Amino acid sequence: MLKDFGAGLAVDSADPQWVDQVLAATSGSGVDLLIDFIAGAMMNRNMEATRVCGRIVNVGRMGGFRGELDFDLHSLRRIRYIGVTFRTRSLQEVREIAARMKQDLWEPLRAGKLSLPVSRTFPLDEADSALEFVRANGHFGKVVLET
């Protein structure tokens, strides 16, 4: 489904061969940037799929908060590992990020050049059901609460 949204290559990290697929698609070098939603036990595989001097940006920890890190692989690849969250940002920082995002993305969104898949919409009074749906991890795209 990612190809419908412009992905040139989509791999499933549950497939044991996913790193080989990435390396094959990048002539053996790996990706420049890997956005990591899983973390945990995936960290070393993520580094294997990232090029020398590439970046990994961790935005989620769906695979756990802790994992083994191969420091030798990290050093050999010279990967910049960046962790991000909104939890430790000030309200002002969040407002600045939202303003920059709007500046960069608002017109392409309005023009229909960018779109986000919506997996399912729930009424606000069914927020508990929406959360259960998200926790089941069977959705593709956003889950929306409506008033």
Protein backbone atom coordinates (compact mmCIF):
# COMPACT_ATOMS: atom_id res chain seq x y z
CA MET A 1 0.00 0.00 0.00
CA LEU A 2 2.94 2.36 0.53
CA LYS A 3 3.64 2.35 -3.20
CA ASP A 4 0.23 3.99 -3.69
CA PHE A 5 1.64 6.92 -1.69
CA GLY A 6 4.86 7.27 -3.65
CA ALA A 7 7.23 4.76 -2.06
CA GLY A 8 9.73 3.43 -4.58
CA LEU A 9 10.42 0.39 -2.43
CA ALA A 10 8.44 -0.97 0.51
CA VAL A 11 9.85 -3.73 2.70
CA ASP A 12 8.32 -5.55 5.64
CA SER A 13 10.63 -5.51 8.65
CA ALA A 14 9.00 -8.76 9.82
CA ASP A 15 10.58 -10.44 6.77
CA PRO A 16 14.02 -11.79 7.78
CA GLN A 17 15.34 -10.74 4.35
CA TRP A 18 14.31 -7.07 4.58
CA VAL A 19 17.87 -5.78 5.04
CA ASP A 20 19.01 -7.79 2.00
CA GLN A 21 16.17 -6.23 -0.01
CA VAL A 22 17.25 -2.73 1.05
CA LEU A 23 20.89 -3.41 0.26
CA ALA A 24 19.97 -4.89 -3.14
CA ALA A 25 17.89 -1.81 -3.97
CA THR A 26 20.74 0.53 -2.97
CA SER A 27 23.57 -1.33 -4.75
CA GLY A 28 24.83 -2.54 -1.38
CA SER A 29 25.28 0.85 0.24
CA GLY A 30 22.12 1.14 2.37
CA VAL A 31 19.70 4.01 2.84
CA ASP A 32 20.67 7.60 3.60
CA LEU A 33 17.90 8.02 6.17
CA LEU A 34 15.95 5.43 8.11
CA ILE A 35 12.92 6.57 10.12
CA ASP A 36 12.59 4.06 12.96
CA PHE A 37 9.16 3.51 14.50
CA ILE A 38 10.07 0.15 16.05
CA ALA A 39 13.42 0.41 17.94
CA GLY A 40 14.03 -2.34 20.49
CA ALA A 41 15.43 -5.47 18.90
CA MET A 42 15.43 -3.84 15.41
CA MET A 43 18.28 -1.42 16.15
CA ASN A 44 21.14 -3.50 14.76
CA ARG A 45 19.17 -4.52 11.67
CA ASN A 46 18.37 -0.85 11.10
CA MET A 47 22.07 -0.02 11.21
CA GLU A 48 22.82 -2.82 8.72
CA ALA A 49 20.33 -1.21 6.31
CA THR A 50 21.79 2.30 6.72
CA ARG A 51 24.71 3.54 4.63
CA VAL A 52 28.02 4.70 6.00
CA CYS A 53 27.48 8.20 7.44
CA GLY A 54 23.72 7.76 7.17
CA ARG A 55 21.12 8.75 9.74
CA ILE A 56 18.59 6.89 11.82
CA VAL A 57 15.82 8.97 13.36
CA ASN A 58 13.90 7.17 16.09
CA VAL A 59 10.33 8.39 16.40
CA GLY A 60 8.72 5.35 18.02
CA ARG A 61 9.36 2.40 20.23
CA MET A 62 6.74 -0.10 19.14
CA GLY A 63 9.30 -2.92 19.48
CA GLY A 64 10.31 -1.97 22.99
CA PHE A 65 12.18 0.66 24.93
CA ARG A 66 15.38 -1.34 25.19
CA GLY A 67 17.51 -3.41 22.85
CA GLU A 68 21.02 -4.61 22.24
CA LEU A 69 23.29 -2.19 20.40
CA ASP A 70 26.26 -3.37 18.33
CA PHE A 71 28.64 -0.52 19.08
CA ASP A 72 31.18 -1.84 16.58
CA LEU A 73 28.62 -1.75 13.76
CA HIS A 74 27.55 1.73 14.86
CA SER A 75 31.16 2.94 14.75
CA LEU A 76 31.97 1.22 11.46
CA ARG A 77 28.92 2.75 9.80
CA ARG A 78 29.46 6.15 11.51
CA ILE A 79 25.69 6.47 11.77
CA ARG A 80 24.08 9.52 13.33
CA TYR A 81 21.33 8.25 15.59
CA ILE A 82 18.73 10.86 16.51
CA GLY A 83 15.89 10.38 18.97
CA VAL A 84 12.85 12.61 18.84
CA THR A 85 9.68 13.07 20.87
CA PHE A 86 7.20 15.81 21.60
CA ARG A 87 7.00 14.80 25.28
CA THR A 88 10.03 16.86 26.30
CA ARG A 89 9.41 19.84 24.04
CA SER A 90 8.02 23.13 25.29
CA LEU A 91 4.73 24.47 24.01
CA GLN A 92 6.69 27.12 22.10
CA GLU A 93 8.82 24.46 20.36
CA VAL A 94 5.70 22.51 19.36
CA ARG A 95 4.12 25.69 17.99
CA GLU A 96 7.26 26.47 15.97
CA ILE A 97 7.37 22.95 14.54
CA ALA A 98 3.67 23.14 13.61
CA ALA A 99 4.20 26.52 11.93
CA ARG A 100 7.17 25.22 9.90
CA MET A 101 5.23 22.10 8.96
CA LYS A 102 2.29 24.21 7.79
CA GLN A 103 4.62 26.46 5.79
CA ASP A 104 6.20 23.45 4.05
CA LEU A 105 3.16 21.22 3.61
CA TRP A 106 -0.06 23.26 3.59
CA GLU A 107 -0.11 24.20 -0.10
CA PRO A 108 0.82 20.71 -1.39
CA LEU A 109 -1.90 19.26 0.87
CA ARG A 110 -4.51 21.76 -0.37
CA ALA A 111 -3.47 21.12 -3.97
CA GLY A 112 -3.93 17.38 -3.49
CA LYS A 113 -0.23 16.66 -4.13
CA LEU A 114 0.10 15.07 -0.69
CA SER A 115 -2.38 12.87 1.09
CA LEU A 116 -2.46 10.69 4.15
CA PRO A 117 -4.26 7.38 4.32
CA VAL A 118 -7.04 7.27 6.90
CA SER A 119 -7.55 3.77 8.16
CA ARG A 120 -10.64 4.39 10.22
CA THR A 121 -12.67 7.18 11.81
CA PHE A 122 -14.24 6.94 15.27
CA PRO A 123 -16.65 9.26 17.08
CA LEU A 124 -14.92 11.04 19.95
CA ASP A 125 -17.02 9.17 22.50
CA GLU A 126 -15.48 5.92 21.17
CA ALA A 127 -11.89 7.00 21.86
CA ASP A 128 -11.30 3.84 23.92
CA SER A 129 -12.24 1.70 20.91
CA ALA A 130 -9.97 3.80 18.68
CA LEU A 131 -7.08 3.24 21.08
CA GLU A 132 -7.72 -0.52 21.10
CA PHE A 133 -7.76 -0.45 17.28
CA VAL A 134 -4.38 1.32 17.22
CA ARG A 135 -2.87 -1.01 19.83
CA ALA A 136 -3.87 -4.02 17.71
CA ASN A 137 -1.50 -2.59 15.06
CA GLY A 138 -3.55 -3.80 12.11
CA HIS A 139 -4.21 -0.39 10.61
CA PHE A 140 -2.58 1.36 7.67
CA GLY A 141 -2.65 5.10 8.05
CA LYS A 142 -4.15 7.45 10.56
CA VAL A 143 -6.96 6.81 12.98
CA VAL A 144 -9.17 9.87 13.31
CA LEU A 145 -11.41 10.94 16.19
CA GLU A 146 -14.37 13.13 15.16
CA THR A 147 -16.55 15.33 17.33
